[in-house]
Amino acid sequence: MSSFIPEHATIWFEIPVTDLKAGQAFYNAVLQSELSEMTMGPNVVAIFPNKDPATGVAGHIYQGKPGEPGKGSTIHLPVAKPLEAAMDRVVENGGKVISDIVTIPAGRFAYCLDPDGNSIGLFN
């Protein structure tokens, strides 16, 4: 039996937020980037940036109903070093840090909740 090894472990992700503008402001501040709004089907979404939109892994936030805090999917998002500064930005922008920093061979990450209770991991 042969194994399938994809180029990217994640192809796309979607994160529901109760207020699209507030969600966009939160992720812009924490990630130090600019999400861009676009209409996708019947919905306006805010797309996370990446270097090569044609081939890079991407995702978006959309106005929807988030699940219970910490019970939804966890998306790991890259942040600039130091990780501690990104964790501070989470708290400063209405989120919560829910774990200590975890170190693995590929780097370090921390589990957090955004203001809507979505579970995210910040990684560098």
PDB file of N, CA and C in Angstrom:
ATOM      1  N   MET A   1       0.839  -1.172   0.000  1.00  0.00           N
ATOM      2  CA  MET A   1       0.000   0.000   0.000  1.00  0.00           C
ATOM      3  C   MET A   1       0.893   1.247   0.000  1.00  0.00           C
ATOM      4  N   SER A   2       0.610   2.191  -0.909  1.00  0.00           N
ATOM      5  CA  SER A   2       1.391   3.423  -0.947  1.00  0.00           C
ATOM      6  C   SER A   2       0.710   4.508  -0.115  1.00  0.00           C
ATOM      7  N   SER A   3       1.502   5.434   0.371  1.00  0.00           N
ATOM      8  CA  SER A   3       0.981   6.527   1.180  1.00  0.00           C
ATOM      9  C   SER A   3       0.833   7.775   0.333  1.00  0.00           C
ATOM     10  N   PHE A   4      -0.211   8.523   0.580  1.00  0.00           N
ATOM     11  CA  PHE A   4      -0.406   9.818  -0.061  1.00  0.00           C
ATOM     12  C   PHE A   4       0.154  10.882   0.863  1.00  0.00           C
ATOM     13  N   ILE A   5       1.081  11.670   0.368  1.00  0.00           N
ATOM     14  CA  ILE A   5       1.657  12.747   1.158  1.00  0.00           C
ATOM     15  C   ILE A   5       1.369  14.053   0.426  1.00  0.00           C
ATOM     16  N   PRO A   6       0.422  14.842   0.968  1.00  0.00           N
ATOM     17  CA  PRO A   6       0.066  16.099   0.296  1.00  0.00           C
ATOM     18  C   PRO A   6       1.152  17.156   0.451  1.00  0.00           C
ATOM     19  N   GLU A   7       1.153  18.126  -0.454  1.00  0.00           N
ATOM     20  CA  GLU A   7       2.113  19.222  -0.368  1.00  0.00           C
ATOM     21  C   GLU A   7       1.890  20.045   0.900  1.00  0.00           C
ATOM     22  N   HIS A   8       0.619  20.256   1.273  1.00  0.00           N
ATOM     23  CA  HIS A   8       0.274  21.016   2.476  1.00  0.00           C
ATOM     24  C   HIS A   8      -0.669  20.177   3.328  1.00  0.00           C
ATOM     25  N   ALA A   9      -0.462  20.193   4.619  1.00  0.00           N
ATOM     26  CA  ALA A   9      -1.325  19.439   5.522  1.00  0.00           C
ATOM     27  C   ALA A   9      -2.709  20.066   5.635  1.00  0.00           C
ATOM     28  N   THR A  10      -2.800  21.364   5.375  1.00  0.00           N
ATOM     29  CA  THR A  10      -4.070  22.060   5.399  1.00  0.00           C
ATOM     30  C   THR A  10      -4.305  22.687   4.037  1.00  0.00           C
ATOM     31  N   ILE A  11      -5.507  22.511   3.533  1.00  0.00           N
ATOM     32  CA  ILE A  11      -5.835  23.092   2.237  1.00  0.00           C
ATOM     33  C   ILE A  11      -6.593  24.397   2.411  1.00  0.00           C
ATOM     34  N   TRP A  12      -7.530  24.434   3.329  1.00  0.00           N
ATOM     35  CA  TRP A  12      -8.371  25.598   3.543  1.00  0.00           C
ATOM     36  C   TRP A  12      -8.929  25.529   4.949  1.00  0.00           C
ATOM     37  N   PHE A  13      -9.241  26.646   5.493  1.00  0.00           N
ATOM     38  CA  PHE A  13      -9.906  26.652   6.792  1.00  0.00           C
ATOM     39  C   PHE A  13     -10.908  27.783   6.846  1.00  0.00           C
ATOM     40  N   GLU A  14     -11.930  27.568   7.659  1.00  0.00           N
ATOM     41  CA  GLU A  14     -12.966  28.566   7.865  1.00  0.00           C
ATOM     42  C   GLU A  14     -13.182  28.738   9.357  1.00  0.00           C
ATOM     43  N   ILE A  15     -13.259  29.989   9.792  1.00  0.00           N
ATOM     44  CA  ILE A  15     -13.458  30.273  11.206  1.00  0.00           C
ATOM     45  C   ILE A  15     -14.691  31.161  11.335  1.00  0.00           C
ATOM     46  N   PRO A  16     -15.746  30.702  12.011  1.00  0.00           N
ATOM     47  CA  PRO A  16     -16.924  31.551  12.195  1.00  0.00           C
ATOM     48  C   PRO A  16     -16.681  32.599  13.271  1.00  0.00           C
ATOM     49  N   VAL A  17     -17.177  33.812  13.030  1.00  0.00           N
ATOM     50  CA  VAL A  17     -17.113  34.894  14.018  1.00  0.00           C
ATOM     51  C   VAL A  17     -18.488  35.544  14.094  1.00  0.00           C
ATOM     52  N   THR A  18     -18.846  36.083  15.250  1.00  0.00           N
ATOM     53  CA  THR A  18     -20.169  36.685  15.406  1.00  0.00           C
ATOM     54  C   THR A  18     -20.250  38.058  14.744  1.00  0.00           C
ATOM     55  N   ASP A  19     -19.110  38.726  14.550  1.00  0.00           N
ATOM     56  CA  ASP A  19     -19.066  40.047  13.935  1.00  0.00           C
ATOM     57  C   ASP A  19     -17.840  40.062  13.018  1.00  0.00           C
ATOM     58  N   LEU A  20     -18.079  40.130  11.707  1.00  0.00           N
ATOM     59  CA  LEU A  20     -16.981  40.031  10.743  1.00  0.00           C
ATOM     60  C   LEU A  20     -15.951  41.141  10.930  1.00  0.00           C
ATOM     61  N   LYS A  21     -16.384  42.376  11.109  1.00  0.00           N
ATOM     62  CA  LYS A  21     -15.440  43.496  11.271  1.00  0.00           C
ATOM     63  C   LYS A  21     -14.605  43.329  12.546  1.00  0.00           C
ATOM     64  N   ALA A  22     -15.241  42.945  13.648  1.00  0.00           N
ATOM     65  CA  ALA A  22     -14.511  42.743  14.902  1.00  0.00           C
ATOM     66  C   ALA A  22     -13.550  41.566  14.776  1.00  0.00           C
ATOM     67  N   GLY A  23     -13.977  40.492  14.128  1.00  0.00           N
ATOM     68  CA  GLY A  23     -13.100  39.346  13.908  1.00  0.00           C
ATOM     69  C   GLY A  23     -11.902  39.714  13.055  1.00  0.00           C
ATOM     70  N   GLN A  24     -12.157  40.500  12.019  1.00  0.00           N
ATOM     71  CA  GLN A  24     -11.080  40.947  11.141  1.00  0.00           C
ATOM     72  C   GLN A  24     -10.093  41.816  11.925  1.00  0.00           C
ATOM     73  N   ALA A  25     -10.575  42.722  12.762  1.00  0.00           N
ATOM     74  CA  ALA A  25      -9.696  43.576  13.564  1.00  0.00           C
ATOM     75  C   ALA A  25      -8.854  42.735  14.519  1.00  0.00           C
ATOM     76  N   PHE A  26      -9.456  41.713  15.146  1.00  0.00           N
ATOM     77  CA  PHE A  26      -8.731  40.840  16.064  1.00  0.00           C
ATOM     78  C   PHE A  26      -7.591  40.126  15.350  1.00  0.00           C
ATOM     79  N   TYR A  27      -7.872  39.451  14.234  1.00  0.00           N
ATOM     80  CA  TYR A  27      -6.833  38.696  13.540  1.00  0.00           C
ATOM     81  C   TYR A  27      -5.788  39.607  12.913  1.00  0.00           C
ATOM     82  N   ASN A  28      -6.185  40.777  12.411  1.00  0.00           N
ATOM     83  CA  ASN A  28      -5.201  41.725  11.887  1.00  0.00           C
ATOM     84  C   ASN A  28      -4.212  42.119  12.985  1.00  0.00           C
ATOM     85  N   ALA A  29      -4.727  42.413  14.184  1.00  0.00           N
ATOM     86  CA  ALA A  29      -3.866  42.842  15.287  1.00  0.00           C
ATOM     87  C   ALA A  29      -2.969  41.717  15.787  1.00  0.00           C
ATOM     88  N   VAL A  30      -3.526  40.545  15.997  1.00  0.00           N
ATOM     89  CA  VAL A  30      -2.748  39.430  16.553  1.00  0.00           C
ATOM     90  C   VAL A  30      -1.694  38.933  15.575  1.00  0.00           C
ATOM     91  N   LEU A  31      -2.056  38.813  14.297  1.00  0.00           N
ATOM     92  CA  LEU A  31      -1.137  38.258  13.299  1.00  0.00           C
ATOM     93  C   LEU A  31      -0.273  39.326  12.631  1.00  0.00           C
ATOM     94  N   GLN A  32      -0.550  40.586  12.903  1.00  0.00           N
ATOM     95  CA  GLN A  32       0.164  41.705  12.279  1.00  0.00           C
ATOM     96  C   GLN A  32       0.114  41.591  10.754  1.00  0.00           C
ATOM     97  N   SER A  33      -1.097  41.396  10.237  1.00  0.00           N
ATOM     98  CA  SER A  33      -1.310  41.285   8.801  1.00  0.00           C
ATOM     99  C   SER A  33      -2.641  41.934   8.460  1.00  0.00           C
ATOM    100  N   GLU A  34      -3.029  41.862   7.221  1.00  0.00           N
ATOM    101  CA  GLU A  34      -4.295  42.456   6.782  1.00  0.00           C
ATOM    102  C   GLU A  34      -5.127  41.411   6.060  1.00  0.00           C
ATOM    103  N   LEU A  35      -6.245  41.019   6.663  1.00  0.00           N
ATOM    104  CA  LEU A  35      -7.191  40.153   5.984  1.00  0.00           C
ATOM    105  C   LEU A  35      -7.937  41.002   4.964  1.00  0.00           C
ATOM    106  N   SER A  36      -8.226  40.439   3.801  1.00  0.00           N
ATOM    107  CA  SER A  36      -8.923  41.196   2.764  1.00  0.00           C
ATOM    108  C   SER A  36     -10.329  40.649   2.580  1.00  0.00           C
ATOM    109  N   GLU A  37     -11.286  41.570   2.519  1.00  0.00           N
ATOM    110  CA  GLU A  37     -12.681  41.169   2.341  1.00  0.00           C
ATOM    111  C   GLU A  37     -12.960  40.867   0.880  1.00  0.00           C
ATOM    112  N   MET A  38     -13.791  39.861   0.675  1.00  0.00           N
ATOM    113  CA  MET A  38     -14.255  39.547  -0.670  1.00  0.00           C
ATOM    114  C   MET A  38     -15.581  38.808  -0.572  1.00  0.00           C
ATOM    115  N   THR A  39     -16.327  38.829  -1.628  1.00  0.00           N
ATOM    116  CA  THR A  39     -17.575  38.075  -1.672  1.00  0.00           C
ATOM    117  C   THR A  39     -17.266  36.699  -2.220  1.00  0.00           C
ATOM    118  N   MET A  40     -17.682  35.684  -1.483  1.00  0.00           N
ATOM    119  CA  MET A  40     -17.456  34.303  -1.886  1.00  0.00           C
ATOM    120  C   MET A  40     -18.817  33.625  -1.859  1.00  0.00           C
ATOM    121  N   GLY A  41     -19.378  33.365  -3.027  1.00  0.00           N
ATOM    122  CA  GLY A  41     -20.743  32.873  -3.079  1.00  0.00           C
ATOM    123  C   GLY A  41     -21.656  33.957  -2.537  1.00  0.00           C
ATOM    124  N   PRO A  42     -22.578  33.618  -1.654  1.00  0.00           N
ATOM    125  CA  PRO A  42     -23.489  34.626  -1.116  1.00  0.00           C
ATOM    126  C   PRO A  42     -22.932  35.392   0.080  1.00  0.00           C
ATOM    127  N   ASN A  43     -21.730  35.063   0.527  1.00  0.00           N
ATOM    128  CA  ASN A  43     -21.202  35.627   1.768  1.00  0.00           C
ATOM    129  C   ASN A  43     -20.011  36.553   1.544  1.00  0.00           C
ATOM    130  N   VAL A  44     -19.906  37.558   2.395  1.00  0.00           N
ATOM    131  CA  VAL A  44     -18.685  38.365   2.470  1.00  0.00           C
ATOM    132  C   VAL A  44     -17.794  37.681   3.497  1.00  0.00           C
ATOM    133  N   VAL A  45     -16.542  37.451   3.129  1.00  0.00           N
ATOM    134  CA  VAL A  45     -15.579  36.793   4.010  1.00  0.00           C
ATOM    135  C   VAL A  45     -14.330  37.656   4.083  1.00  0.00           C
ATOM    136  N   ALA A  46     -13.470  37.372   5.038  1.00  0.00           N
ATOM    137  CA  ALA A  46     -12.172  38.038   5.143  1.00  0.00           C
ATOM    138  C   ALA A  46     -11.094  36.956   5.010  1.00  0.00           C
ATOM    139  N   ILE A  47     -10.296  37.077   3.972  1.00  0.00           N
ATOM    140  CA  ILE A  47      -9.291  36.070   3.616  1.00  0.00           C
ATOM    141  C   ILE A  47      -7.975  36.350   4.338  1.00  0.00           C
ATOM    142  N   PHE A  48      -7.370  35.299   4.912  1.00  0.00           N
ATOM    143  CA  PHE A  48      -6.039  35.410   5.505  1.00  0.00           C
ATOM    144  C   PHE A  48      -5.029  35.523   4.361  1.00  0.00           C
ATOM    145  N   PRO A  49      -4.038  36.415   4.482  1.00  0.00           N
ATOM    146  CA  PRO A  49      -3.046  36.572   3.413  1.00  0.00           C
ATOM    147  C   PRO A  49      -2.012  35.445   3.423  1.00  0.00           C
ATOM    148  N   ASN A  50      -1.441  35.215   2.260  1.00  0.00           N
ATOM    149  CA  ASN A  50      -0.270  34.339   2.151  1.00  0.00           C
ATOM    150  C   ASN A  50       0.582  34.825   0.988  1.00  0.00           C
ATOM    151  N   LYS A  51       1.845  34.383   0.949  1.00  0.00           N
ATOM    152  CA  LYS A  51       2.780  34.880  -0.070  1.00  0.00           C
ATOM    153  C   LYS A  51       2.341  34.573  -1.482  1.00  0.00           C
ATOM    154  N   ASP A  52       1.832  33.382  -1.728  1.00  0.00           N
ATOM    155  CA  ASP A  52       1.459  32.991  -3.074  1.00  0.00           C
ATOM    156  C   ASP A  52       0.026  32.469  -3.082  1.00  0.00           C
ATOM    157  N   PRO A  53      -0.951  33.360  -3.302  1.00  0.00           N
ATOM    158  CA  PRO A  53      -2.353  32.935  -3.266  1.00  0.00           C
ATOM    159  C   PRO A  53      -2.691  31.820  -4.259  1.00  0.00           C
ATOM    160  N   ALA A  54      -1.899  31.701  -5.320  1.00  0.00           N
ATOM    161  CA  ALA A  54      -2.175  30.666  -6.322  1.00  0.00           C
ATOM    162  C   ALA A  54      -1.852  29.268  -5.808  1.00  0.00           C
ATOM    163  N   THR A  55      -0.850  29.150  -4.935  1.00  0.00           N
ATOM    164  CA  THR A  55      -0.440  27.818  -4.493  1.00  0.00           C
ATOM    165  C   THR A  55      -0.403  27.658  -2.975  1.00  0.00           C
ATOM    166  N   GLY A  56      -0.509  28.742  -2.232  1.00  0.00           N
ATOM    167  CA  GLY A  56      -0.398  28.676  -0.776  1.00  0.00           C
ATOM    168  C   GLY A  56      -1.661  28.161  -0.113  1.00  0.00           C
ATOM    169  N   VAL A  57      -1.512  27.715   1.113  1.00  0.00           N
ATOM    170  CA  VAL A  57      -2.639  27.284   1.936  1.00  0.00           C
ATOM    171  C   VAL A  57      -3.371  28.536   2.399  1.00  0.00           C
ATOM    172  N   ALA A  58      -4.692  28.526   2.345  1.00  0.00           N
ATOM    173  CA  ALA A  58      -5.449  29.725   2.687  1.00  0.00           C
ATOM    174  C   ALA A  58      -6.688  29.380   3.493  1.00  0.00           C
ATOM    175  N   GLY A  59      -7.367  30.409   3.948  1.00  0.00           N
ATOM    176  CA  GLY A  59      -8.596  30.249   4.693  1.00  0.00           C
ATOM    177  C   GLY A  59      -9.244  31.596   4.910  1.00  0.00           C
ATOM    178  N   HIS A  60     -10.367  31.584   5.612  1.00  0.00           N
ATOM    179  CA  HIS A  60     -11.071  32.841   5.843  1.00  0.00           C
ATOM    180  C   HIS A  60     -11.882  32.803   7.131  1.00  0.00           C
ATOM    181  N   ILE A  61     -12.299  33.992   7.578  1.00  0.00           N
ATOM    182  CA  ILE A  61     -13.291  34.096   8.632  1.00  0.00           C
ATOM    183  C   ILE A  61     -14.596  34.495   7.961  1.00  0.00           C
ATOM    184  N   TYR A  62     -15.704  34.115   8.571  1.00  0.00           N
ATOM    185  CA  TYR A  62     -17.015  34.466   8.030  1.00  0.00           C
ATOM    186  C   TYR A  62     -17.975  34.696   9.184  1.00  0.00           C
ATOM    187  N   GLN A  63     -19.003  35.486   8.921  1.00  0.00           N
ATOM    188  CA  GLN A  63     -19.995  35.733   9.961  1.00  0.00           C
ATOM    189  C   GLN A  63     -20.848  34.480  10.093  1.00  0.00           C
ATOM    190  N   GLY A  64     -20.795  33.870  11.259  1.00  0.00           N
ATOM    191  CA  GLY A  64     -21.517  32.633  11.510  1.00  0.00           C
ATOM    192  C   GLY A  64     -21.657  32.414  13.001  1.00  0.00           C
ATOM    193  N   LYS A  65     -22.065  31.217  13.383  1.00  0.00           N
ATOM    194  CA  LYS A  65     -22.263  30.903  14.796  1.00  0.00           C
ATOM    195  C   LYS A  65     -21.135  29.993  15.277  1.00  0.00           C
ATOM    196  N   PRO A  66     -20.212  30.542  16.076  1.00  0.00           N
ATOM    197  CA  PRO A  66     -19.135  29.712  16.619  1.00  0.00           C
ATOM    198  C   PRO A  66     -19.674  28.670  17.594  1.00  0.00           C
ATOM    199  N   GLY A  67     -18.927  27.596  17.748  1.00  0.00           N
ATOM    200  CA  GLY A  67     -19.302  26.562  18.714  1.00  0.00           C
ATOM    201  C   GLY A  67     -18.968  27.003  20.125  1.00  0.00           C
ATOM    202  N   GLU A  68     -19.094  26.102  21.065  1.00  0.00           N
ATOM    203  CA  GLU A  68     -18.739  26.408  22.449  1.00  0.00           C
ATOM    204  C   GLU A  68     -17.243  26.680  22.544  1.00  0.00           C
ATOM    205  N   PRO A  69     -16.832  27.531  23.485  1.00  0.00           N
ATOM    206  CA  PRO A  69     -15.408  27.860  23.607  1.00  0.00           C
ATOM    207  C   PRO A  69     -14.514  26.623  23.702  1.00  0.00           C
ATOM    208  N   GLY A  70     -13.508  26.594  22.847  1.00  0.00           N
ATOM    209  CA  GLY A  70     -12.519  25.533  22.887  1.00  0.00           C
ATOM    210  C   GLY A  70     -12.984  24.193  22.353  1.00  0.00           C
ATOM    211  N   LYS A  71     -14.203  24.106  21.823  1.00  0.00           N
ATOM    212  CA  LYS A  71     -14.711  22.809  21.367  1.00  0.00           C
ATOM    213  C   LYS A  71     -14.727  22.685  19.848  1.00  0.00           C
ATOM    214  N   GLY A  72     -14.392  23.764  19.121  1.00  0.00           N
ATOM    215  CA  GLY A  72     -14.395  23.717  17.666  1.00  0.00           C
ATOM    216  C   GLY A  72     -13.047  23.265  17.131  1.00  0.00           C
ATOM    217  N   SER A  73     -12.906  23.350  15.835  1.00  0.00           N
ATOM    218  CA  SER A  73     -11.632  23.005  15.197  1.00  0.00           C
ATOM    219  C   SER A  73     -10.547  23.965  15.642  1.00  0.00           C
ATOM    220  N   THR A  74      -9.334  23.483  15.725  1.00  0.00           N
ATOM    221  CA  THR A  74      -8.198  24.337  16.036  1.00  0.00           C
ATOM    222  C   THR A  74      -7.387  24.531  14.774  1.00  0.00           C
ATOM    223  N   ILE A  75      -7.192  25.758  14.428  1.00  0.00           N
ATOM    224  CA  ILE A  75      -6.364  26.104  13.285  1.00  0.00           C
ATOM    225  C   ILE A  75      -5.068  26.684  13.839  1.00  0.00           C
ATOM    226  N   HIS A  76      -3.936  26.156  13.401  1.00  0.00           N
ATOM    227  CA  HIS A  76      -2.652  26.690  13.850  1.00  0.00           C
ATOM    228  C   HIS A  76      -2.194  27.745  12.853  1.00  0.00           C
ATOM    229  N   LEU A  77      -1.950  28.946  13.376  1.00  0.00           N
ATOM    230  CA  LEU A  77      -1.591  30.087  12.554  1.00  0.00           C
ATOM    231  C   LEU A  77      -0.175  30.535  12.877  1.00  0.00           C
ATOM    232  N   PRO A  78       0.644  30.818  11.842  1.00  0.00           N
ATOM    233  CA  PRO A  78       2.013  31.260  12.098  1.00  0.00           C
ATOM    234  C   PRO A  78       2.051  32.702  12.594  1.00  0.00           C
ATOM    235  N   VAL A  79       2.927  32.953  13.549  1.00  0.00           N
ATOM    236  CA  VAL A  79       3.147  34.309  14.052  1.00  0.00           C
ATOM    237  C   VAL A  79       4.648  34.584  14.082  1.00  0.00           C
ATOM    238  N   ALA A  80       4.987  35.864  14.018  1.00  0.00           N
ATOM    239  CA  ALA A  80       6.395  36.262  14.097  1.00  0.00           C
ATOM    240  C   ALA A  80       6.914  36.019  15.514  1.00  0.00           C
ATOM    241  N   LYS A  81       8.192  35.760  15.610  1.00  0.00           N
ATOM    242  CA  LYS A  81       8.827  35.593  16.914  1.00  0.00           C
ATOM    243  C   LYS A  81       8.918  36.944  17.593  1.00  0.00           C
ATOM    244  N   PRO A  82       8.821  37.045  18.876  1.00  0.00           N
ATOM    245  CA  PRO A  82       8.640  35.954  19.823  1.00  0.00           C
ATOM    246  C   PRO A  82       7.168  35.577  19.984  1.00  0.00           C
ATOM    247  N   LEU A  83       6.931  34.327  20.243  1.00  0.00           N
ATOM    248  CA  LEU A  83       5.581  33.807  20.456  1.00  0.00           C
ATOM    249  C   LEU A  83       4.889  34.526  21.610  1.00  0.00           C
ATOM    250  N   GLU A  84       5.647  34.851  22.641  1.00  0.00           N
ATOM    251  CA  GLU A  84       5.077  35.518  23.810  1.00  0.00           C
ATOM    252  C   GLU A  84       4.403  36.848  23.439  1.00  0.00           C
ATOM    253  N   ALA A  85       4.960  37.572  22.479  1.00  0.00           N
ATOM    254  CA  ALA A  85       4.370  38.845  22.060  1.00  0.00           C
ATOM    255  C   ALA A  85       3.013  38.618  21.396  1.00  0.00           C
ATOM    256  N   ALA A  86       2.906  37.562  20.591  1.00  0.00           N
ATOM    257  CA  ALA A  86       1.623  37.238  19.964  1.00  0.00           C
ATOM    258  C   ALA A  86       0.594  36.831  21.016  1.00  0.00           C
ATOM    259  N   MET A  87       1.047  36.104  22.040  1.00  0.00           N
ATOM    260  CA  MET A  87       0.139  35.713  23.128  1.00  0.00           C
ATOM    261  C   MET A  87      -0.371  36.958  23.859  1.00  0.00           C
ATOM    262  N   ASP A  88       0.504  37.931  24.060  1.00  0.00           N
ATOM    263  CA  ASP A  88       0.079  39.187  24.684  1.00  0.00           C
ATOM    264  C   ASP A  88      -0.966  39.890  23.824  1.00  0.00           C
ATOM    265  N   ARG A  89      -0.776  39.872  22.496  1.00  0.00           N
ATOM    266  CA  ARG A  89      -1.727  40.526  21.596  1.00  0.00           C
ATOM    267  C   ARG A  89      -3.082  39.843  21.625  1.00  0.00           C
ATOM    268  N   VAL A  90      -3.091  38.528  21.843  1.00  0.00           N
ATOM    269  CA  VAL A  90      -4.370  37.813  21.975  1.00  0.00           C
ATOM    270  C   VAL A  90      -5.165  38.420  23.123  1.00  0.00           C
ATOM    271  N   VAL A  91      -4.544  38.529  24.283  1.00  0.00           N
ATOM    272  CA  VAL A  91      -5.224  39.048  25.473  1.00  0.00           C
ATOM    273  C   VAL A  91      -5.619  40.512  25.273  1.00  0.00           C
ATOM    274  N   GLU A  92      -4.714  41.309  24.723  1.00  0.00           N
ATOM    275  CA  GLU A  92      -4.980  42.736  24.500  1.00  0.00           C
ATOM    276  C   GLU A  92      -6.151  42.980  23.556  1.00  0.00           C
ATOM    277  N   ASN A  93      -6.452  41.995  22.715  1.00  0.00           N
ATOM    278  CA  ASN A  93      -7.511  42.164  21.718  1.00  0.00           C
ATOM    279  C   ASN A  93      -8.746  41.325  22.015  1.00  0.00           C
ATOM    280  N   GLY A  94      -8.918  40.932  23.275  1.00  0.00           N
ATOM    281  CA  GLY A  94     -10.152  40.289  23.704  1.00  0.00           C
ATOM    282  C   GLY A  94     -10.171  38.776  23.679  1.00  0.00           C
ATOM    283  N   GLY A  95      -9.043  38.128  23.377  1.00  0.00           N
ATOM    284  CA  GLY A  95      -8.974  36.676  23.385  1.00  0.00           C
ATOM    285  C   GLY A  95      -8.418  36.155  24.699  1.00  0.00           C
ATOM    286  N   LYS A  96      -8.194  34.843  24.760  1.00  0.00           N
ATOM    287  CA  LYS A  96      -7.638  34.206  25.958  1.00  0.00           C
ATOM    288  C   LYS A  96      -6.548  33.222  25.557  1.00  0.00           C
ATOM    289  N   VAL A  97      -5.497  33.189  26.321  1.00  0.00           N
ATOM    290  CA  VAL A  97      -4.459  32.165  26.165  1.00  0.00           C
ATOM    291  C   VAL A  97      -4.835  31.049  27.121  1.00  0.00           C
ATOM    292  N   ILE A  98      -4.971  29.808  26.612  1.00  0.00           N
ATOM    293  CA  ILE A  98      -5.463  28.717  27.453  1.00  0.00           C
ATOM    294  C   ILE A  98      -4.420  27.624  27.695  1.00  0.00           C
ATOM    295  N   SER A  99      -3.174  27.849  27.268  1.00  0.00           N
ATOM    296  CA  SER A  99      -2.135  26.859  27.559  1.00  0.00           C
ATOM    297  C   SER A  99      -0.808  27.567  27.757  1.00  0.00           C
ATOM    298  N   ASP A 100       0.114  26.842  28.334  1.00  0.00           N
ATOM    299  CA  ASP A 100       1.502  27.285  28.345  1.00  0.00           C
ATOM    300  C   ASP A 100       2.058  27.054  26.950  1.00  0.00           C
ATOM    301  N   ILE A 101       3.247  27.556  26.689  1.00  0.00           N
ATOM    302  CA  ILE A 101       3.910  27.293  25.411  1.00  0.00           C
ATOM    303  C   ILE A 101       4.324  25.830  25.372  1.00  0.00           C
ATOM    304  N   VAL A 102       4.036  25.199  24.247  1.00  0.00           N
ATOM    305  CA  VAL A 102       4.395  23.797  24.020  1.00  0.00           C
ATOM    306  C   VAL A 102       5.517  23.783  22.990  1.00  0.00           C
ATOM    307  N   THR A 103       6.596  23.093  23.295  1.00  0.00           N
ATOM    308  CA  THR A 103       7.725  22.990  22.372  1.00  0.00           C
ATOM    309  C   THR A 103       7.739  21.613  21.732  1.00  0.00           C
ATOM    310  N   ILE A 104       7.813  21.602  20.413  1.00  0.00           N
ATOM    311  CA  ILE A 104       7.933  20.363  19.639  1.00  0.00           C
ATOM    312  C   ILE A 104       9.119  20.527  18.689  1.00  0.00           C
ATOM    313  N   PRO A 105       9.585  19.462  18.035  1.00  0.00           N
ATOM    314  CA  PRO A 105      10.751  19.609  17.163  1.00  0.00           C
ATOM    315  C   PRO A 105      10.615  20.697  16.080  1.00  0.00           C
ATOM    316  N   ALA A 106       9.409  20.925  15.584  1.00  0.00           N
ATOM    317  CA  ALA A 106       9.222  21.907  14.510  1.00  0.00           C
ATOM    318  C   ALA A 106       9.138  23.344  15.008  1.00  0.00           C
ATOM    319  N   GLY A 107       8.959  23.558  16.306  1.00  0.00           N
ATOM    320  CA  GLY A 107       8.837  24.917  16.815  1.00  0.00           C
ATOM    321  C   GLY A 107       8.084  24.966  18.126  1.00  0.00           C
ATOM    322  N   ARG A 108       7.417  26.098  18.376  1.00  0.00           N
ATOM    323  CA  ARG A 108       6.682  26.295  19.625  1.00  0.00           C
ATOM    324  C   ARG A 108       5.289  26.814  19.303  1.00  0.00           C
ATOM    325  N   PHE A 109       4.311  26.443  20.140  1.00  0.00           N
ATOM    326  CA  PHE A 109       2.959  26.951  19.937  1.00  0.00           C
ATOM    327  C   PHE A 109       2.239  27.074  21.263  1.00  0.00           C
ATOM    328  N   ALA A 110       1.131  27.828  21.225  1.00  0.00           N
ATOM    329  CA  ALA A 110       0.269  27.982  22.400  1.00  0.00           C
ATOM    330  C   ALA A 110      -1.175  27.920  21.922  1.00  0.00           C
ATOM    331  N   TYR A 111      -2.026  27.281  22.725  1.00  0.00           N
ATOM    332  CA  TYR A 111      -3.454  27.240  22.433  1.00  0.00           C
ATOM    333  C   TYR A 111      -4.110  28.504  22.967  1.00  0.00           C
ATOM    334  N   CYS A 112      -5.008  29.072  22.176  1.00  0.00           N
ATOM    335  CA  CYS A 112      -5.703  30.303  22.542  1.00  0.00           C
ATOM    336  C   CYS A 112      -7.156  30.213  22.105  1.00  0.00           C
ATOM    337  N   LEU A 113      -7.967  31.138  22.611  1.00  0.00           N
ATOM    338  CA  LEU A 113      -9.338  31.317  22.140  1.00  0.00           C
ATOM    339  C   LEU A 113      -9.453  32.735  21.609  1.00  0.00           C
ATOM    340  N   ASP A 114     -10.099  32.893  20.456  1.00  0.00           N
ATOM    341  CA  ASP A 114     -10.363  34.238  19.968  1.00  0.00           C
ATOM    342  C   ASP A 114     -11.575  34.793  20.710  1.00  0.00           C
ATOM    343  N   PRO A 115     -11.976  36.044  20.479  1.00  0.00           N
ATOM    344  CA  PRO A 115     -13.091  36.618  21.242  1.00  0.00           C
ATOM    345  C   PRO A 115     -14.412  35.869  21.090  1.00  0.00           C
ATOM    346  N   ASP A 116     -14.568  35.074  20.023  1.00  0.00           N
ATOM    347  CA  ASP A 116     -15.783  34.290  19.830  1.00  0.00           C
ATOM    348  C   ASP A 116     -15.682  32.879  20.390  1.00  0.00           C
ATOM    349  N   GLY A 117     -14.541  32.534  21.026  1.00  0.00           N
ATOM    350  CA  GLY A 117     -14.388  31.217  21.621  1.00  0.00           C
ATOM    351  C   GLY A 117     -13.835  30.174  20.671  1.00  0.00           C
ATOM    352  N   ASN A 118     -13.415  30.571  19.453  1.00  0.00           N
ATOM    353  CA  ASN A 118     -12.803  29.611  18.536  1.00  0.00           C
ATOM    354  C   ASN A 118     -11.419  29.232  19.048  1.00  0.00           C
ATOM    355  N   SER A 119     -11.092  27.960  18.952  1.00  0.00           N
ATOM    356  CA  SER A 119      -9.799  27.462  19.387  1.00  0.00           C
ATOM    357  C   SER A 119      -8.787  27.672  18.263  1.00  0.00           C
ATOM    358  N   ILE A 120      -7.693  28.381  18.595  1.00  0.00           N
ATOM    359  CA  ILE A 120      -6.625  28.605  17.625  1.00  0.00           C
ATOM    360  C   ILE A 120      -5.291  28.259  18.285  1.00  0.00           C
ATOM    361  N   GLY A 121      -4.338  27.876  17.475  1.00  0.00           N
ATOM    362  CA  GLY A 121      -2.977  27.684  17.940  1.00  0.00           C
ATOM    363  C   GLY A 121      -2.086  28.722  17.268  1.00  0.00           C
ATOM    364  N   LEU A 122      -1.241  29.378  18.029  1.00  0.00           N
ATOM    365  CA  LEU A 122      -0.277  30.318  17.465  1.00  0.00           C
ATOM    366  C   LEU A 122       1.066  29.610  17.448  1.00  0.00           C
ATOM    367  N   PHE A 123       1.729  29.594  16.291  1.00  0.00           N
ATOM    368  CA  PHE A 123       2.918  28.763  16.084  1.00  0.00           C
ATOM    369  C   PHE A 123       4.063  29.579  15.528  1.00  0.00           C
ATOM    370  N   ASN A 124       5.270  29.342  16.059  1.00  0.00           N
ATOM    371  CA  ASN A 124       6.471  29.842  15.399  1.00  0.00           C
ATOM    372  C   ASN A 124       7.663  28.991  15.791  1.00  0.00           C
TER     373      ASN A 124
END
